[in-house]
Amino acid sequence: MIPNPATSQATVNYITDEATSAYLMVVSTATGISNNYILDVNATAINLNLSTYTSGLYSVALVCDGEIVDSKNLAKQ
């Protein structure tokens, strides 16, 4: 994720490995509240608007065909 830590937006690069469906799950490590972002399986990046997110740590998981295939941590300033 670029940048990390982020302030108002972040670019997430991803590879779906021929999945038929994919989404990003962004989960606050403090509250457990999550937001999902449907992905274009033919693309390789998405820009996330983080302006409404509170400062803190988030776990960002890539879910392809219903299974978590990768995850990273994101710090929101």
PDB file of N, CA and C in Angstrom:
ATOM      1  N   MET A   1       0.848  -1.166   0.000  1.00  0.00           N
ATOM      2  CA  MET A   1       0.000   0.000   0.000  1.00  0.00           C
ATOM      3  C   MET A   1       0.895   1.230   0.000  1.00  0.00           C
ATOM      4  N   ILE A   2       0.514   2.153  -0.797  1.00  0.00           N
ATOM      5  CA  ILE A   2       1.298   3.377  -0.925  1.00  0.00           C
ATOM      6  C   ILE A   2       0.365   4.556  -0.717  1.00  0.00           C
ATOM      7  N   PRO A   3       0.623   5.526   0.098  1.00  0.00           N
ATOM      8  CA  PRO A   3       1.664   5.497   1.127  1.00  0.00           C
ATOM      9  C   PRO A   3       1.195   4.721   2.352  1.00  0.00           C
ATOM     10  N   ASN A   4       2.128   4.379   3.188  1.00  0.00           N
ATOM     11  CA  ASN A   4       1.802   3.708   4.449  1.00  0.00           C
ATOM     12  C   ASN A   4       2.812   4.182   5.481  1.00  0.00           C
ATOM     13  N   PRO A   5       2.463   5.024   6.428  1.00  0.00           N
ATOM     14  CA  PRO A   5       1.086   5.420   6.800  1.00  0.00           C
ATOM     15  C   PRO A   5       0.456   6.378   5.785  1.00  0.00           C
ATOM     16  N   ALA A   6      -0.859   6.359   5.743  1.00  0.00           N
ATOM     17  CA  ALA A   6      -1.630   7.182   4.814  1.00  0.00           C
ATOM     18  C   ALA A   6      -2.423   8.240   5.573  1.00  0.00           C
ATOM     19  N   THR A   7      -2.799   9.303   4.860  1.00  0.00           N
ATOM     20  CA  THR A   7      -3.624  10.340   5.477  1.00  0.00           C
ATOM     21  C   THR A   7      -5.033  10.352   4.888  1.00  0.00           C
ATOM     22  N   SER A   8      -5.161  10.590   3.579  1.00  0.00           N
ATOM     23  CA  SER A   8      -6.501  10.685   3.004  1.00  0.00           C
ATOM     24  C   SER A   8      -6.791   9.627   1.952  1.00  0.00           C
ATOM     25  N   GLN A   9      -5.756   9.051   1.341  1.00  0.00           N
ATOM     26  CA  GLN A   9      -5.988   7.975   0.390  1.00  0.00           C
ATOM     27  C   GLN A   9      -4.755   7.083   0.292  1.00  0.00           C
ATOM     28  N   ALA A  10      -4.978   5.870  -0.212  1.00  0.00           N
ATOM     29  CA  ALA A  10      -3.891   4.912  -0.384  1.00  0.00           C
ATOM     30  C   ALA A  10      -4.170   4.087  -1.634  1.00  0.00           C
ATOM     31  N   THR A  11      -3.124   3.730  -2.330  1.00  0.00           N
ATOM     32  CA  THR A  11      -3.233   2.847  -3.488  1.00  0.00           C
ATOM     33  C   THR A  11      -2.844   1.445  -3.051  1.00  0.00           C
ATOM     34  N   VAL A  12      -3.722   0.490  -3.346  1.00  0.00           N
ATOM     35  CA  VAL A  12      -3.471  -0.908  -3.007  1.00  0.00           C
ATOM     36  C   VAL A  12      -3.271  -1.675  -4.313  1.00  0.00           C
ATOM     37  N   ASN A  13      -2.100  -2.273  -4.466  1.00  0.00           N
ATOM     38  CA  ASN A  13      -1.821  -3.138  -5.617  1.00  0.00           C
ATOM     39  C   ASN A  13      -2.213  -4.558  -5.244  1.00  0.00           C
ATOM     40  N   TYR A  14      -2.769  -5.297  -6.214  1.00  0.00           N
ATOM     41  CA  TYR A  14      -3.215  -6.658  -5.928  1.00  0.00           C
ATOM     42  C   TYR A  14      -3.119  -7.535  -7.166  1.00  0.00           C
ATOM     43  N   ILE A  15      -3.070  -8.843  -6.938  1.00  0.00           N
ATOM     44  CA  ILE A  15      -3.096  -9.838  -8.003  1.00  0.00           C
ATOM     45  C   ILE A  15      -4.172 -10.851  -7.630  1.00  0.00           C
ATOM     46  N   THR A  16      -5.147 -11.047  -8.518  1.00  0.00           N
ATOM     47  CA  THR A  16      -6.269 -11.932  -8.204  1.00  0.00           C
ATOM     48  C   THR A  16      -6.069 -13.369  -8.694  1.00  0.00           C
ATOM     49  N   ASP A  17      -4.996 -13.638  -9.430  1.00  0.00           N
ATOM     50  CA  ASP A  17      -4.683 -14.999  -9.888  1.00  0.00           C
ATOM     51  C   ASP A  17      -5.882 -15.707 -10.511  1.00  0.00           C
ATOM     52  N   GLU A  18      -6.495 -15.082 -11.504  1.00  0.00           N
ATOM     53  CA  GLU A  18      -7.601 -15.670 -12.268  1.00  0.00           C
ATOM     54  C   GLU A  18      -8.851 -15.973 -11.444  1.00  0.00           C
ATOM     55  N   ALA A  19      -9.038 -15.246 -10.349  1.00  0.00           N
ATOM     56  CA  ALA A  19     -10.256 -15.413  -9.546  1.00  0.00           C
ATOM     57  C   ALA A  19     -11.454 -14.876 -10.339  1.00  0.00           C
ATOM     58  N   THR A  20     -12.632 -15.394 -10.032  1.00  0.00           N
ATOM     59  CA  THR A  20     -13.844 -14.903 -10.691  1.00  0.00           C
ATOM     60  C   THR A  20     -14.463 -13.737  -9.929  1.00  0.00           C
ATOM     61  N   SER A  21     -14.127 -13.608  -8.623  1.00  0.00           N
ATOM     62  CA  SER A  21     -14.597 -12.470  -7.838  1.00  0.00           C
ATOM     63  C   SER A  21     -13.542 -12.144  -6.790  1.00  0.00           C
ATOM     64  N   ALA A  22     -13.463 -10.857  -6.442  1.00  0.00           N
ATOM     65  CA  ALA A  22     -12.478 -10.441  -5.445  1.00  0.00           C
ATOM     66  C   ALA A  22     -12.925  -9.144  -4.786  1.00  0.00           C
ATOM     67  N   TYR A  23     -12.528  -8.974  -3.528  1.00  0.00           N
ATOM     68  CA  TYR A  23     -12.767  -7.714  -2.835  1.00  0.00           C
ATOM     69  C   TYR A  23     -11.704  -7.501  -1.779  1.00  0.00           C
ATOM     70  N   LEU A  24     -11.547  -6.246  -1.374  1.00  0.00           N
ATOM     71  CA  LEU A  24     -10.673  -5.896  -0.267  1.00  0.00           C
ATOM     72  C   LEU A  24     -11.530  -5.697   0.956  1.00  0.00           C
ATOM     73  N   MET A  25     -11.098  -6.245   2.065  1.00  0.00           N
ATOM     74  CA  MET A  25     -11.780  -6.064   3.341  1.00  0.00           C
ATOM     75  C   MET A  25     -10.836  -5.237   4.221  1.00  0.00           C
ATOM     76  N   VAL A  26     -11.281  -4.041   4.615  1.00  0.00           N
ATOM     77  CA  VAL A  26     -10.484  -3.155   5.457  1.00  0.00           C
ATOM     78  C   VAL A  26     -11.105  -3.171   6.847  1.00  0.00           C
ATOM     79  N   VAL A  27     -10.356  -3.680   7.825  1.00  0.00           N
ATOM     80  CA  VAL A  27     -10.883  -3.882   9.174  1.00  0.00           C
ATOM     81  C   VAL A  27     -10.066  -3.068  10.174  1.00  0.00           C
ATOM     82  N   SER A  28     -10.757  -2.272  10.985  1.00  0.00           N
ATOM     83  CA  SER A  28     -10.102  -1.535  12.057  1.00  0.00           C
ATOM     84  C   SER A  28      -9.661  -2.512  13.135  1.00  0.00           C
ATOM     85  N   THR A  29      -8.371  -2.457  13.512  1.00  0.00           N
ATOM     86  CA  THR A  29      -7.897  -3.360  14.570  1.00  0.00           C
ATOM     87  C   THR A  29      -8.411  -2.922  15.931  1.00  0.00           C
ATOM     88  N   ALA A  30      -8.844  -1.665  16.062  1.00  0.00           N
ATOM     89  CA  ALA A  30      -9.351  -1.162  17.348  1.00  0.00           C
ATOM     90  C   ALA A  30     -10.814  -1.493  17.566  1.00  0.00           C
ATOM     91  N   THR A  31     -11.645  -1.326  16.523  1.00  0.00           N
ATOM     92  CA  THR A  31     -13.092  -1.478  16.686  1.00  0.00           C
ATOM     93  C   THR A  31     -13.666  -2.726  16.027  1.00  0.00           C
ATOM     94  N   GLY A  32     -12.936  -3.302  15.063  1.00  0.00           N
ATOM     95  CA  GLY A  32     -13.453  -4.449  14.324  1.00  0.00           C
ATOM     96  C   GLY A  32     -14.400  -4.076  13.211  1.00  0.00           C
ATOM     97  N   ILE A  33     -14.685  -2.779  13.057  1.00  0.00           N
ATOM     98  CA  ILE A  33     -15.564  -2.323  11.976  1.00  0.00           C
ATOM     99  C   ILE A  33     -14.857  -2.536  10.646  1.00  0.00           C
ATOM    100  N   SER A  34     -15.581  -3.077   9.663  1.00  0.00           N
ATOM    101  CA  SER A  34     -14.962  -3.353   8.373  1.00  0.00           C
ATOM    102  C   SER A  34     -15.734  -2.727   7.228  1.00  0.00           C
ATOM    103  N   ASN A  35     -14.993  -2.450   6.157  1.00  0.00           N
ATOM    104  CA  ASN A  35     -15.556  -1.964   4.904  1.00  0.00           C
ATOM    105  C   ASN A  35     -15.019  -2.846   3.791  1.00  0.00           C
ATOM    106  N   ASN A  36     -15.884  -3.179   2.833  1.00  0.00           N
ATOM    107  CA  ASN A  36     -15.478  -4.006   1.704  1.00  0.00           C
ATOM    108  C   ASN A  36     -15.476  -3.186   0.424  1.00  0.00           C
ATOM    109  N   TYR A  37     -14.503  -3.460  -0.424  1.00  0.00           N
ATOM    110  CA  TYR A  37     -14.370  -2.781  -1.713  1.00  0.00           C
ATOM    111  C   TYR A  37     -14.292  -3.847  -2.800  1.00  0.00           C
ATOM    112  N   ILE A  38     -15.318  -3.903  -3.652  1.00  0.00           N
ATOM    113  CA  ILE A  38     -15.354  -4.860  -4.757  1.00  0.00           C
ATOM    114  C   ILE A  38     -14.254  -4.494  -5.743  1.00  0.00           C
ATOM    115  N   LEU A  39     -13.506  -5.496  -6.194  1.00  0.00           N
ATOM    116  CA  LEU A  39     -12.389  -5.275  -7.095  1.00  0.00           C
ATOM    117  C   LEU A  39     -12.701  -5.746  -8.512  1.00  0.00           C
ATOM    118  N   ASP A  40     -12.095  -5.096  -9.473  1.00  0.00           N
ATOM    119  CA  ASP A  40     -12.101  -5.547 -10.860  1.00  0.00           C
ATOM    120  C   ASP A  40     -11.013  -6.611 -10.960  1.00  0.00           C
ATOM    121  N   VAL A  41     -11.382  -7.866 -11.235  1.00  0.00           N
ATOM    122  CA  VAL A  41     -10.400  -8.946 -11.258  1.00  0.00           C
ATOM    123  C   VAL A  41      -9.411  -8.802 -12.411  1.00  0.00           C
ATOM    124  N   ASN A  42      -9.707  -7.932 -13.379  1.00  0.00           N
ATOM    125  CA  ASN A  42      -8.797  -7.705 -14.491  1.00  0.00           C
ATOM    126  C   ASN A  42      -7.849  -6.538 -14.243  1.00  0.00           C
ATOM    127  N   ALA A  43      -8.036  -5.819 -13.137  1.00  0.00           N
ATOM    128  CA  ALA A  43      -7.166  -4.689 -12.788  1.00  0.00           C
ATOM    129  C   ALA A  43      -6.110  -5.170 -11.794  1.00  0.00           C
ATOM    130  N   THR A  44      -5.177  -4.261 -11.456  1.00  0.00           N
ATOM    131  CA  THR A  44      -4.115  -4.642 -10.518  1.00  0.00           C
ATOM    132  C   THR A  44      -3.947  -3.646  -9.380  1.00  0.00           C
ATOM    133  N   ALA A  45      -4.807  -2.619  -9.325  1.00  0.00           N
ATOM    134  CA  ALA A  45      -4.690  -1.632  -8.246  1.00  0.00           C
ATOM    135  C   ALA A  45      -6.027  -0.949  -8.021  1.00  0.00           C
ATOM    136  N   ILE A  46      -6.209  -0.433  -6.798  1.00  0.00           N
ATOM    137  CA  ILE A  46      -7.390   0.357  -6.459  1.00  0.00           C
ATOM    138  C   ILE A  46      -6.946   1.483  -5.539  1.00  0.00           C
ATOM    139  N   ASN A  47      -7.563   2.647  -5.699  1.00  0.00           N
ATOM    140  CA  ASN A  47      -7.309   3.776  -4.804  1.00  0.00           C
ATOM    141  C   ASN A  47      -8.410   3.807  -3.751  1.00  0.00           C
ATOM    142  N   LEU A  48      -8.017   3.794  -2.492  1.00  0.00           N
ATOM    143  CA  LEU A  48      -8.981   3.838  -1.392  1.00  0.00           C
ATOM    144  C   LEU A  48      -9.042   5.242  -0.816  1.00  0.00           C
ATOM    145  N   ASN A  49     -10.251   5.761  -0.659  1.00  0.00           N
ATOM    146  CA  ASN A  49     -10.459   7.044  -0.012  1.00  0.00           C
ATOM    147  C   ASN A  49     -10.551   6.792   1.485  1.00  0.00           C
ATOM    148  N   LEU A  50      -9.570   7.285   2.222  1.00  0.00           N
ATOM    149  CA  LEU A  50      -9.509   7.051   3.664  1.00  0.00           C
ATOM    150  C   LEU A  50      -9.919   8.274   4.479  1.00  0.00           C
ATOM    151  N   SER A  51     -10.464   9.285   3.831  1.00  0.00           N
ATOM    152  CA  SER A  51     -10.752  10.549   4.512  1.00  0.00           C
ATOM    153  C   SER A  51     -11.770  10.402   5.641  1.00  0.00           C
ATOM    154  N   THR A  52     -12.648   9.403   5.582  1.00  0.00           N
ATOM    155  CA  THR A  52     -13.639   9.226   6.642  1.00  0.00           C
ATOM    156  C   THR A  52     -13.180   8.246   7.721  1.00  0.00           C
ATOM    157  N   TYR A  53     -12.028   7.659   7.536  1.00  0.00           N
ATOM    158  CA  TYR A  53     -11.495   6.707   8.512  1.00  0.00           C
ATOM    159  C   TYR A  53     -10.841   7.452   9.677  1.00  0.00           C
ATOM    160  N   THR A  54     -10.983   6.918  10.878  1.00  0.00           N
ATOM    161  CA  THR A  54     -10.310   7.503  12.036  1.00  0.00           C
ATOM    162  C   THR A  54      -8.850   7.043  12.045  1.00  0.00           C
ATOM    163  N   SER A  55      -8.013   7.806  12.731  1.00  0.00           N
ATOM    164  CA  SER A  55      -6.598   7.440  12.832  1.00  0.00           C
ATOM    165  C   SER A  55      -6.458   6.113  13.564  1.00  0.00           C
ATOM    166  N   GLY A  56      -5.516   5.300  13.111  1.00  0.00           N
ATOM    167  CA  GLY A  56      -5.282   4.024  13.760  1.00  0.00           C
ATOM    168  C   GLY A  56      -4.763   2.994  12.789  1.00  0.00           C
ATOM    169  N   LEU A  57      -4.729   1.752  13.253  1.00  0.00           N
ATOM    170  CA  LEU A  57      -4.253   0.643  12.438  1.00  0.00           C
ATOM    171  C   LEU A  57      -5.418  -0.121  11.835  1.00  0.00           C
ATOM    172  N   TYR A  58      -5.219  -0.556  10.596  1.00  0.00           N
ATOM    173  CA  TYR A  58      -6.221  -1.325   9.863  1.00  0.00           C
ATOM    174  C   TYR A  58      -5.563  -2.539   9.233  1.00  0.00           C
ATOM    175  N   SER A  59      -6.301  -3.611   9.147  1.00  0.00           N
ATOM    176  CA  SER A  59      -5.866  -4.797   8.432  1.00  0.00           C
ATOM    177  C   SER A  59      -6.591  -4.795   7.094  1.00  0.00           C
ATOM    178  N   VAL A  60      -5.840  -4.945   6.012  1.00  0.00           N
ATOM    179  CA  VAL A  60      -6.416  -4.951   4.671  1.00  0.00           C
ATOM    180  C   VAL A  60      -6.220  -6.349   4.095  1.00  0.00           C
ATOM    181  N   ALA A  61      -7.325  -7.053   3.851  1.00  0.00           N
ATOM    182  CA  ALA A  61      -7.265  -8.430   3.360  1.00  0.00           C
ATOM    183  C   ALA A  61      -7.800  -8.501   1.933  1.00  0.00           C
ATOM    184  N   LEU A  62      -7.090  -9.252   1.095  1.00  0.00           N
ATOM    185  CA  LEU A  62      -7.542  -9.528  -0.261  1.00  0.00           C
ATOM    186  C   LEU A  62      -8.287 -10.855  -0.232  1.00  0.00           C
ATOM    187  N   VAL A  63      -9.560 -10.813  -0.645  1.00  0.00           N
ATOM    188  CA  VAL A  63     -10.406 -12.004  -0.652  1.00  0.00           C
ATOM    189  C   VAL A  63     -10.727 -12.351  -2.101  1.00  0.00           C
ATOM    190  N   CYS A  64     -10.293 -13.530  -2.539  1.00  0.00           N
ATOM    191  CA  CYS A  64     -10.558 -14.003  -3.900  1.00  0.00           C
ATOM    192  C   CYS A  64     -11.409 -15.264  -3.844  1.00  0.00           C
ATOM    193  N   ASP A  65     -12.520 -15.250  -4.545  1.00  0.00           N
ATOM    194  CA  ASP A  65     -13.446 -16.388  -4.571  1.00  0.00           C
ATOM    195  C   ASP A  65     -13.781 -16.883  -3.170  1.00  0.00           C
ATOM    196  N   GLY A  66     -13.966 -15.920  -2.236  1.00  0.00           N
ATOM    197  CA  GLY A  66     -14.409 -16.247  -0.890  1.00  0.00           C
ATOM    198  C   GLY A  66     -13.322 -16.628   0.093  1.00  0.00           C
ATOM    199  N   GLU A  67     -12.041 -16.625  -0.320  1.00  0.00           N
ATOM    200  CA  GLU A  67     -10.957 -16.997   0.574  1.00  0.00           C
ATOM    201  C   GLU A  67      -9.949 -15.861   0.708  1.00  0.00           C
ATOM    202  N   ILE A  68      -9.490 -15.604   1.930  1.00  0.00           N
ATOM    203  CA  ILE A  68      -8.449 -14.598   2.143  1.00  0.00           C
ATOM    204  C   ILE A  68      -7.145 -15.156   1.585  1.00  0.00           C
ATOM    205  N   VAL A  69      -6.555 -14.423   0.623  1.00  0.00           N
ATOM    206  CA  VAL A  69      -5.320 -14.899  -0.008  1.00  0.00           C
ATOM    207  C   VAL A  69      -4.107 -14.054   0.378  1.00  0.00           C
ATOM    208  N   ASP A  70      -4.342 -12.872   0.933  1.00  0.00           N
ATOM    209  CA  ASP A  70      -3.229 -12.021   1.363  1.00  0.00           C
ATOM    210  C   ASP A  70      -3.783 -10.961   2.302  1.00  0.00           C
ATOM    211  N   SER A  71      -2.917 -10.448   3.180  1.00  0.00           N
ATOM    212  CA  SER A  71      -3.323  -9.340   4.039  1.00  0.00           C
ATOM    213  C   SER A  71      -2.104  -8.527   4.407  1.00  0.00           C
ATOM    214  N   LYS A  72      -2.335  -7.235   4.646  1.00  0.00           N
ATOM    215  CA  LYS A  72      -1.288  -6.296   5.040  1.00  0.00           C
ATOM    216  C   LYS A  72      -1.876  -5.362   6.078  1.00  0.00           C
ATOM    217  N   ASN A  73      -0.998  -4.694   6.827  1.00  0.00           N
ATOM    218  CA  ASN A  73      -1.432  -3.686   7.787  1.00  0.00           C
ATOM    219  C   ASN A  73      -1.295  -2.306   7.168  1.00  0.00           C
ATOM    220  N   LEU A  74      -2.219  -1.423   7.529  1.00  0.00           N
ATOM    221  CA  LEU A  74      -2.212  -0.041   7.061  1.00  0.00           C
ATOM    222  C   LEU A  74      -2.386   0.874   8.252  1.00  0.00           C
ATOM    223  N   ALA A  75      -1.525   1.878   8.344  1.00  0.00           N
ATOM    224  CA  ALA A  75      -1.646   2.887   9.398  1.00  0.00           C
ATOM    225  C   ALA A  75      -2.283   4.130   8.794  1.00  0.00           C
ATOM    226  N   LYS A  76      -3.351   4.608   9.425  1.00  0.00           N
ATOM    227  CA  LYS A  76      -4.051   5.834   9.010  1.00  0.00           C
ATOM    228  C   LYS A  76      -3.694   6.920   9.989  1.00  0.00           C
ATOM    229  N   GLN A  77      -3.123   8.021   9.475  1.00  0.00           N
ATOM    230  CA  GLN A  77      -2.733   9.138  10.343  1.00  0.00           C
ATOM    231  C   GLN A  77      -3.898  10.092  10.525  1.00  0.00           C
TER     232      GLN A  77
END
